[in-house]
């Protein structure tokens, strides 16, 4: 009886699972460990060849490889991908240059092989220019495509990726506008990420049109500063928008009525550091397009260009409840902040991350923004160095905020003695809200 109980205690439950479940489990292992399972039993001998995922992305699995090891490994991948199509159907293939040991033709062949296997997710990261097969741009099965490859991205005129939902492109050079044609041709595309991509001198207009997009990240680098460009964006169903760039010559952006989060970082080109009314108008068009956003991160270098001053606001963020305002130069003045707060009447959370200002808010504004009077419950000030302009700003908020619950001050570059002195002064400032707590960090 004891022996029978012992045998029952070591029952091999894994082997009772069907092959497709075992293959799915193997897909989560490093390729070397997955292959090692072939010695477990005759049933396991070729199971690894049926894996739906081939992940060669983690460089750590190649640590310690000799030249012979790399040659053996590349030959192994060749054999694996040359199995008959009915035996191997890959859904996901991730690869870096480490896996191919910098062998461009070999990696090109691997990509061609997996594209004929009904691949759904393809991730390629390569440290130098890599020619991409034309077949890539007409793959009917691709759902996710992620490419991180420096160099000029050559896109054929005829593109068709009917099932693509996520497109991530990093470090490419776009020498023509075919990339934007590719985006427009993907009719079910939901996520678009273009990070650290370079715009060539022939690009005079960035035109992105997609009714299906929900998340979009654009980070452009201009290769030739002597030419500017205009931006046209028609993505009315966008929910998340991240945009890092120099201020373009003009924006024509459709209203994003479903926008929840926006992360906008706009810098001025050095040659346009002087105030330019045309660029003010361009920046205004950009902000007007995202005025339905609920949470906004805004980094600017020249607020007089991005936030036009005048007797009446030219845009209003009625849905905005959370704002982080960042400026990385000393060229801001307190009145800019107050002007912008008039445009966000329902703001509840405000985060200011500003370098020491050149000018505060003297004389104190008499027209208090409505969000300060009735809605602001939390204010956070980062990078505070005890400068007088910011003291004026903090004093203004405490004096006029009626429902403020928390004011958090994060100090920077101060001695312990200086922090104690500033904390004492902050706590002595008059407050309109009885429930307001002042917290220093």
Protein backbone atom coordinates (compact mmCIF):
# COMPACT_ATOMS: atom_id res chain seq x y z
CA UNK A 1 0.00 0.00 0.00
CA UNK A 2 2.81 2.42 0.89
CA UNK A 3 4.57 1.68 -2.38
CA UNK A 4 1.34 2.25 -4.32
CA UNK A 5 0.80 5.62 -2.58
CA UNK A 6 4.37 6.64 -3.38
CA UNK A 7 3.88 5.88 -7.07
CA UNK A 8 0.68 7.87 -7.12
CA UNK A 9 2.52 10.81 -5.51
CA UNK A 10 4.94 11.12 -8.47
CA UNK A 11 2.27 11.01 -11.16
CA UNK A 12 3.56 12.80 -14.29
CA UNK A 13 0.67 15.18 -14.91
CA UNK A 14 2.55 17.27 -17.47
CA UNK A 15 2.82 14.36 -19.88
CA UNK A 16 -0.95 13.92 -19.79
CA UNK A 17 -1.40 17.33 -21.42
CA UNK A 18 -2.04 17.50 -25.17
CA UNK A 19 0.83 18.41 -27.49
CA UNK A 20 -0.43 21.90 -28.31
CA UNK A 21 -0.44 22.84 -24.61
CA UNK A 22 3.06 21.49 -24.11
CA UNK A 23 4.30 23.46 -27.11
CA UNK A 24 2.70 26.59 -25.70
CA UNK A 25 4.53 26.03 -22.42
CA UNK A 26 7.83 25.54 -24.24
CA UNK A 27 7.37 28.89 -25.94
CA UNK A 28 7.97 30.64 -22.61
CA UNK A 29 11.42 29.04 -22.21
CA UNK A 30 14.72 30.29 -23.64
CA UNK A 31 15.35 28.45 -26.89
CA UNK A 32 18.25 26.45 -25.40
CA UNK A 33 16.10 25.17 -22.55
CA UNK A 34 13.24 24.33 -24.89
CA UNK A 35 15.55 22.22 -27.06
CA UNK A 36 16.93 20.41 -24.00
CA UNK A 37 13.46 18.95 -23.33
CA UNK A 38 13.94 16.76 -26.42
CA UNK A 39 15.90 14.23 -24.29
CA UNK A 40 13.07 13.65 -21.83
CA UNK A 41 11.32 10.92 -23.83
CA UNK A 42 10.52 9.93 -27.43
CA UNK A 43 7.34 11.98 -27.25
CA UNK A 44 9.29 15.13 -26.34
CA UNK A 45 11.98 14.63 -28.99
CA UNK A 46 10.49 16.96 -31.61
CA UNK A 47 7.95 18.90 -29.60
CA UNK A 48 10.12 22.02 -29.57
CA UNK A 49 9.84 22.23 -33.37
CA UNK A 50 6.10 22.86 -32.99
CA UNK A 51 6.50 25.90 -30.73
CA UNK A 52 4.30 28.83 -31.73
CA UNK A 53 6.87 31.35 -30.45
CA UNK A 54 10.56 31.55 -31.33
CA UNK A 55 12.15 34.15 -29.07
CA UNK A 56 15.77 35.02 -29.88
CA UNK A 57 15.52 38.54 -28.43
CA UNK A 58 17.21 38.21 -25.03
CA UNK A 59 20.94 38.75 -25.58
CA UNK A 60 21.72 37.03 -22.26
CA UNK A 61 21.01 33.60 -23.72
CA UNK A 62 23.99 34.08 -26.04
CA UNK A 63 26.37 35.19 -23.29
CA UNK A 64 29.59 33.19 -23.36
CA UNK A 65 29.03 31.89 -26.92
CA UNK A 66 32.19 31.13 -28.87
CA UNK A 67 32.42 31.54 -32.65
CA UNK A 68 31.73 27.84 -33.03
CA UNK A 69 28.71 28.10 -30.72
CA UNK A 70 27.27 30.89 -32.86
CA UNK A 71 27.81 28.94 -36.08
CA UNK A 72 26.13 25.87 -34.58
CA UNK A 73 23.24 27.97 -33.30
CA UNK A 74 22.66 29.70 -36.64
CA UNK A 75 22.68 26.35 -38.41
CA UNK A 76 20.17 25.06 -35.87
CA UNK A 77 17.80 27.99 -36.51
CA UNK A 78 18.19 27.41 -40.25
CA UNK A 79 17.09 23.79 -39.86
CA UNK A 80 14.25 24.75 -37.53
CA UNK A 81 12.82 27.29 -39.93
CA UNK A 82 13.25 25.00 -42.94
CA UNK A 83 10.95 22.32 -41.51
CA UNK A 84 7.91 21.66 -43.73
CA UNK A 85 5.26 24.34 -43.35
CA UNK A 86 2.64 21.89 -42.14
CA UNK A 87 4.87 21.01 -39.15
CA UNK A 88 5.92 24.47 -38.02
CA UNK A 89 3.49 27.38 -37.86
CA UNK A 90 5.04 30.29 -35.99
CA UNK A 91 2.84 32.96 -34.48
CA UNK A 92 5.61 35.06 -32.92
CA UNK A 93 9.25 35.63 -33.88
CA UNK A 94 11.51 37.98 -31.90
CA UNK A 95 15.13 38.46 -32.88
CA UNK A 96 18.10 40.77 -32.39
CA UNK A 97 21.44 41.03 -34.16
CA UNK A 98 22.96 38.99 -31.31
CA UNK A 99 21.11 35.89 -32.46
CA UNK A 100 22.48 36.13 -36.00
CA UNK A 101 25.92 37.29 -34.81
CA UNK A 102 25.61 40.30 -37.11
CA UNK A 103 24.98 38.10 -40.16
CA UNK A 104 22.64 40.30 -42.27
CA UNK A 105 21.91 37.76 -45.06
CA UNK A 106 21.16 35.07 -42.48
CA UNK A 107 18.72 37.31 -40.60
CA UNK A 108 17.11 38.36 -43.88
CA UNK A 109 16.51 34.67 -44.67
CA UNK A 110 15.00 34.02 -41.25
CA UNK A 111 12.56 36.91 -41.67
CA UNK A 112 11.52 35.62 -45.09
CA UNK A 113 10.98 32.14 -43.65
CA UNK A 114 8.75 33.23 -40.77
CA UNK A 115 6.68 35.51 -43.02
CA UNK A 116 5.60 32.39 -44.92
CA UNK A 117 4.54 30.67 -41.68
CA UNK A 118 1.45 32.76 -40.95
CA UNK A 119 3.38 34.92 -38.48
CA UNK A 120 1.28 37.24 -36.31
CA UNK A 121 3.95 39.06 -34.29
CA UNK A 122 7.36 40.04 -35.66
CA UNK A 123 9.95 41.92 -33.56
CA UNK A 124 13.35 42.77 -35.07
CA UNK A 125 16.10 44.85 -33.45
CA UNK A 126 19.30 45.41 -35.38
CA UNK A 127 22.16 47.79 -34.66
CA UNK A 128 22.91 48.69 -38.28
CA UNK A 129 21.07 49.10 -41.54
CA UNK A 130 19.19 45.97 -42.56
CA UNK A 131 17.43 45.38 -45.84
CA UNK A 132 13.85 44.27 -45.25
CA UNK A 133 12.12 41.83 -47.60
CA UNK A 134 9.33 43.23 -49.76
CA UNK A 135 7.18 40.33 -48.54
CA UNK A 136 7.08 42.03 -45.12
CA UNK A 137 4.88 44.84 -46.43
CA UNK A 138 2.27 42.53 -47.95
CA UNK A 139 2.01 39.96 -45.15
CA UNK A 140 -1.66 39.16 -44.64
CA UNK A 141 -1.27 37.56 -41.20
CA UNK A 142 0.78 40.19 -39.33
CA UNK A 143 -0.95 41.69 -36.30
CA UNK A 144 2.04 43.21 -34.50
CA UNK A 145 5.16 44.59 -36.18
CA UNK A 146 8.05 46.09 -34.19
CA UNK A 147 11.22 47.21 -35.96
CA UNK A 148 14.21 48.96 -34.34
CA UNK A 149 16.70 49.44 -37.16
CA UNK A 150 18.83 52.51 -37.92
CA UNK A 151 18.98 53.45 -41.57
CA UNK A 152 16.71 54.34 -44.46
CA UNK A 153 13.46 52.39 -44.45
CA UNK A 154 12.65 51.39 -48.02
CA UNK A 155 8.90 50.86 -48.43
CA UNK A 156 7.50 49.56 -51.71
CA UNK A 157 4.72 51.60 -53.38
CA UNK A 158 2.21 48.76 -52.98
CA UNK A 159 1.67 47.91 -49.31
CA UNK A 160 -1.02 45.74 -47.77
CA UNK A 161 -1.12 44.77 -44.10
CA UNK A 162 -4.86 44.22 -43.63
CA UNK A 163 -4.67 42.68 -40.13
CA UNK A 164 -1.97 44.87 -38.59
CA UNK A 165 -3.10 46.35 -35.27
CA UNK A 166 0.20 47.51 -33.74
CA UNK A 167 3.10 49.17 -35.58
CA UNK A 168 6.28 50.19 -33.72
CA UNK A 169 9.13 51.82 -35.68
CA UNK A 170 12.30 53.11 -33.99
CA UNK A 171 15.49 54.82 -35.23
CA UNK A 172 14.56 54.71 -38.90
CA UNK A 173 15.24 57.39 -41.49
CA UNK A 174 12.19 58.23 -43.59
CA UNK A 175 13.45 59.72 -46.83
CA UNK A 176 10.03 59.90 -48.48
CA UNK A 177 6.34 59.94 -47.56
CA UNK A 178 5.61 56.26 -48.25
CA UNK A 179 5.68 55.48 -44.52
CA UNK A 180 2.58 57.62 -44.06
CA UNK A 181 0.89 55.81 -46.94
CA UNK A 182 1.63 52.56 -45.12
CA UNK A 183 -0.08 53.84 -41.96
CA UNK A 184 -3.15 54.98 -43.89
CA UNK A 185 -3.43 51.60 -45.63
CA UNK A 186 -3.67 49.69 -42.34
CA UNK A 187 -7.41 49.94 -41.78
CA UNK A 188 -7.51 48.15 -38.41
CA UNK A 189 -4.37 49.75 -36.94
CA UNK A 190 -4.91 50.65 -33.27
CA UNK A 191 -1.39 51.45 -32.02
CA UNK A 192 1.30 53.47 -33.81
CA UNK A 193 4.71 54.17 -32.27
CA UNK A 194 7.36 56.16 -34.14
CA UNK A 195 10.24 56.82 -31.77
CA UNK A 196 13.53 58.57 -32.60
CA UNK A 197 12.72 58.45 -36.29
CA UNK A 198 14.46 60.89 -38.60
CA UNK A 199 12.73 62.93 -41.28
CA UNK A 200 14.78 63.37 -44.43
CA UNK A 201 15.10 66.58 -46.41
CA UNK A 202 12.41 65.48 -48.87
CA UNK A 203 9.76 65.31 -46.15
CA UNK A 204 7.80 68.56 -46.28
CA UNK A 205 4.58 67.21 -44.79
CA UNK A 206 3.89 64.60 -42.13
CA UNK A 207 0.45 63.26 -43.00
CA UNK A 208 -1.09 60.64 -40.71
CA UNK A 209 -4.62 59.53 -41.45
CA UNK A 210 -6.27 56.70 -39.53
CA UNK A 211 -9.80 56.35 -38.22
CA UNK A 212 -8.94 53.21 -36.22
CA UNK A 213 -5.94 54.49 -34.23
CA UNK A 214 -6.36 54.58 -30.44
CA UNK A 215 -2.76 55.12 -29.27
CA UNK A 216 -0.07 57.12 -31.08
CA UNK A 217 3.49 58.14 -30.22
CA UNK A 218 5.44 60.46 -32.53
CA UNK A 219 9.07 61.40 -31.82
CA UNK A 220 10.69 63.01 -34.83
CA UNK A 221 14.24 64.16 -35.48
CA UNK A 222 14.88 66.57 -38.34
CA UNK A 223 17.97 65.61 -40.32
CA UNK A 224 18.30 68.91 -42.19
CA UNK A 225 17.27 72.00 -40.28
CA UNK A 226 17.28 74.17 -43.39
CA UNK A 227 13.90 72.71 -44.34
CA UNK A 228 10.78 72.80 -42.25
CA UNK A 229 7.63 70.72 -42.50
CA UNK A 230 3.93 70.88 -41.81
CA UNK A 231 1.98 68.29 -39.89
CA UNK A 232 -1.44 66.94 -40.83
CA UNK A 233 -3.06 64.50 -38.41
CA UNK A 234 -6.50 62.97 -38.81
CA UNK A 235 -6.99 60.49 -35.97
CA UNK A 236 -10.38 61.39 -34.45
CA UNK A 237 -10.66 58.26 -32.27
CA UNK A 238 -7.31 58.61 -30.52
CA UNK A 239 -7.30 57.89 -26.77
CA UNK A 240 -3.56 58.38 -26.06
CA UNK A 241 -1.24 60.83 -27.84
CA UNK A 242 2.48 61.31 -27.21
CA UNK A 243 4.28 63.93 -29.30
CA UNK A 244 7.95 64.97 -29.00
CA UNK A 245 9.33 67.34 -31.61
CA UNK A 246 10.60 70.72 -32.57
CA UNK A 247 7.79 73.16 -33.22
CA UNK A 248 6.63 72.57 -36.80
CA UNK A 249 5.83 75.25 -39.33
CA UNK A 250 2.13 74.45 -39.13
CA UNK A 251 -0.38 71.96 -37.74
CA UNK A 252 -3.67 70.81 -39.23
CA UNK A 253 -5.02 68.37 -36.68
CA UNK A 254 -8.53 66.97 -36.47
CA UNK A 255 -10.29 67.18 -33.12
CA UNK A 256 -9.58 64.18 -30.89
CA UNK A 257 -12.88 63.86 -29.05
CA UNK A 258 -11.99 60.56 -27.29
CA UNK A 259 -8.59 61.65 -25.99
CA UNK A 260 -7.84 60.57 -22.40
CA UNK A 261 -4.09 61.15 -22.03
CA UNK A 262 -1.67 63.39 -23.91
CA UNK A 263 2.08 63.83 -23.49
CA UNK A 264 3.28 66.87 -25.45
CA UNK A 265 6.92 67.99 -25.51
CA UNK A 266 7.58 70.82 -27.93
CA UNK A 267 10.87 72.63 -28.38
CA UNK A 268 11.79 75.65 -30.45
CA UNK A 269 14.50 75.40 -33.07
CA UNK A 270 17.35 77.76 -32.12
CA UNK A 271 16.83 79.85 -35.26
CA UNK A 272 13.23 80.46 -34.18
CA UNK A 273 13.98 81.39 -30.60
CA UNK A 274 12.68 84.90 -31.31
CA UNK A 275 8.92 85.29 -31.08
CA UNK A 276 7.17 84.30 -34.32
CA UNK A 277 3.45 84.96 -34.76
CA UNK A 278 3.10 82.20 -37.37
CA UNK A 279 4.53 79.62 -35.00
CA UNK A 280 2.28 80.87 -32.25
CA UNK A 281 -0.67 80.19 -34.51
CA UNK A 282 0.71 76.72 -35.39
CA UNK A 283 1.13 75.81 -31.73
CA UNK A 284 -2.37 77.07 -30.96
CA UNK A 285 -3.77 74.71 -33.61
CA UNK A 286 -1.95 71.80 -31.97
CA UNK A 287 -3.40 72.54 -28.53
CA UNK A 288 -6.88 73.14 -29.90
CA UNK A 289 -6.87 69.63 -31.36
CA UNK A 290 -6.24 68.01 -27.96
CA UNK A 291 -8.56 70.23 -25.92
CA UNK A 292 -10.76 67.24 -24.98
CA UNK A 293 -7.93 65.53 -23.08
CA UNK A 294 -8.40 64.60 -19.41
CA UNK A 295 -4.74 64.16 -18.35
CA UNK A 296 -2.00 66.29 -19.92
CA UNK A 297 1.79 66.35 -19.64
CA UNK A 298 3.07 69.56 -21.24
CA UNK A 299 6.74 70.39 -21.68
CA UNK A 300 7.65 73.58 -23.53
CA UNK A 301 10.69 75.80 -23.86
CA UNK A 302 9.11 79.01 -25.10
CA UNK A 303 5.70 79.50 -23.54
CA UNK A 304 5.12 82.84 -25.27
CA UNK A 305 5.01 80.88 -28.52
CA UNK A 306 3.00 77.89 -27.35
CA UNK A 307 0.60 79.81 -25.08
CA UNK A 308 -0.57 82.93 -26.91
CA UNK A 309 -1.26 85.84 -24.62
CA UNK A 310 -4.33 87.99 -25.10
CA UNK A 311 -7.45 89.34 -23.46
CA UNK A 312 -9.39 86.09 -24.06
CA UNK A 313 -8.20 82.44 -24.15
CA UNK A 314 -8.10 80.98 -27.67
CA UNK A 315 -8.73 77.43 -26.43
CA UNK A 316 -10.30 75.79 -23.39
CA UNK A 317 -9.64 72.39 -21.82
CA UNK A 318 -13.01 71.81 -20.16
CA UNK A 319 -12.38 68.09 -19.52
CA UNK A 320 -8.82 68.44 -18.21
CA UNK A 321 -8.55 67.39 -14.56
CA UNK A 322 -4.84 66.58 -14.28
CA UNK A 323 -1.96 68.69 -15.63
CA UNK A 324 1.82 68.41 -15.36
CA UNK A 325 3.55 71.52 -16.66
CA UNK A 326 7.31 71.27 -17.27
CA UNK A 327 9.83 73.88 -18.36
CA UNK A 328 13.55 73.13 -18.53
CA UNK A 329 14.85 76.67 -18.97
CA UNK A 330 14.87 79.79 -16.82
CA UNK A 331 13.00 81.72 -19.50
CA UNK A 332 9.53 81.36 -18.01
CA UNK A 333 7.52 83.84 -16.00
CA UNK A 334 4.73 83.20 -13.53
CA UNK A 335 2.10 84.97 -15.59
CA UNK A 336 2.36 82.23 -18.22
CA UNK A 337 1.14 79.67 -15.73
CA UNK A 338 -1.81 81.81 -14.66
CA UNK A 339 -2.74 82.56 -18.27
CA UNK A 340 -2.86 78.87 -19.04
CA UNK A 341 -4.85 78.03 -15.90
CA UNK A 342 -7.62 80.27 -17.22
CA UNK A 343 -7.93 77.71 -20.04
CA UNK A 344 -8.47 74.75 -17.69
CA UNK A 345 -11.53 75.69 -15.61
CA UNK A 346 -12.09 72.22 -14.09
CA UNK A 347 -8.51 71.28 -13.21
CA UNK A 348 -8.18 69.25 -9.99
CA UNK A 349 -4.51 68.20 -9.89
CA UNK A 350 -1.61 70.46 -10.90
CA UNK A 351 2.06 69.46 -11.03
CA UNK A 352 4.68 72.14 -11.77
CA UNK A 353 8.24 71.05 -12.59
CA UNK A 354 10.03 74.30 -13.37
CA UNK A 355 13.55 75.63 -13.19
CA UNK A 356 14.09 78.89 -11.31
CA UNK A 357 12.02 81.57 -13.03
CA UNK A 358 13.30 84.83 -14.44
CA UNK A 359 10.17 86.61 -13.24
CA UNK A 360 7.32 85.86 -10.87
CA UNK A 361 3.73 87.14 -10.95
CA UNK A 362 4.23 90.74 -9.84
CA UNK A 363 1.92 92.50 -9.66
CA UNK A 364 -0.33 89.73 -8.35
CA UNK A 365 -3.11 88.89 -10.75
CA UNK A 366 -6.55 90.03 -9.64
CA UNK A 367 -8.37 87.74 -12.06
CA UNK A 368 -8.03 84.38 -10.33
CA UNK A 369 -8.47 81.27 -12.57
CA UNK A 370 -11.72 79.50 -11.74
CA UNK A 371 -9.95 76.15 -11.29
CA UNK A 372 -7.86 77.68 -8.49
CA UNK A 373 -10.93 79.09 -6.77
CA UNK A 374 -13.23 76.08 -7.02
CA UNK A 375 -11.58 72.83 -8.18
CA UNK A 376 -7.87 72.44 -7.38
CA UNK A 377 -7.43 69.83 -4.65
CA UNK A 378 -3.76 68.93 -5.11
CA UNK A 379 -0.71 70.93 -6.18
CA UNK A 380 2.80 69.52 -6.47
CA UNK A 381 5.85 71.71 -7.08
CA UNK A 382 9.03 69.88 -8.12
CA UNK A 383 12.61 71.14 -8.41
CA UNK A 384 11.97 73.96 -5.93
CA UNK A 385 15.19 75.81 -5.05
CA UNK A 386 13.68 78.53 -2.90
CA UNK A 387 13.56 81.17 -5.64
CA UNK A 388 11.36 84.17 -5.01
CA UNK A 389 9.23 83.90 -8.20
CA UNK A 390 8.10 80.41 -7.19
CA UNK A 391 7.41 81.61 -3.65
CA UNK A 392 5.08 84.19 -5.17
CA UNK A 393 3.34 81.46 -7.16
CA UNK A 394 2.89 79.20 -4.11
CA UNK A 395 1.65 82.09 -2.03
CA UNK A 396 -0.88 82.94 -4.75
CA UNK A 397 -2.24 79.39 -4.80
CA UNK A 398 -2.57 79.17 -1.02
CA UNK A 399 -4.27 82.54 -0.85
CA UNK A 400 -6.93 81.82 -3.49
CA UNK A 401 -7.47 78.03 -3.52
CA UNK A 402 -10.61 77.35 -1.49
CA UNK A 403 -10.77 73.52 -1.77
CA UNK A 404 -7.05 72.73 -1.83
CA UNK A 405 -6.28 69.63 0.24
CA UNK A 406 -2.59 69.04 -0.41
CA UNK A 407 0.37 71.18 -1.42
CA UNK A 408 3.53 69.13 -1.93
CA UNK A 409 6.88 70.88 -2.33
CA UNK A 410 9.84 68.78 -3.56
CA UNK A 411 13.09 70.71 -2.98
CA UNK A 412 16.27 70.43 -5.01
CA UNK A 413 19.95 71.39 -4.52
CA UNK A 414 19.40 72.71 -0.98
CA UNK A 415 21.26 72.11 2.28
CA UNK A 416 19.40 70.81 5.30
CA UNK A 417 19.54 74.26 6.89
CA UNK A 418 18.10 75.89 3.76
CA UNK A 419 15.30 73.32 3.59
CA UNK A 420 14.33 73.99 7.21
CA UNK A 421 14.28 77.74 6.62
CA UNK A 422 12.13 77.40 3.48
CA UNK A 423 9.76 74.93 5.18
CA UNK A 424 9.22 77.37 8.03
CA UNK A 425 8.43 80.16 5.59
CA UNK A 426 6.03 77.97 3.62
CA UNK A 427 4.11 76.96 6.72
CA UNK A 428 3.68 80.63 7.67
CA UNK A 429 1.97 81.54 4.39
CA UNK A 430 -1.78 82.28 4.76
CA UNK A 431 -4.19 79.67 3.40
CA UNK A 432 -7.73 80.05 2.15
CA UNK A 433 -8.46 76.35 2.56
CA UNK A 434 -8.62 75.20 6.18
CA UNK A 435 -8.09 71.58 5.23
CA UNK A 436 -4.92 72.23 3.18
CA UNK A 437 -1.79 70.33 4.24
CA UNK A 438 1.64 71.62 3.21
CA UNK A 439 4.12 68.77 2.76
CA UNK A 440 7.82 69.20 1.96
CA UNK A 441 10.03 66.49 0.51
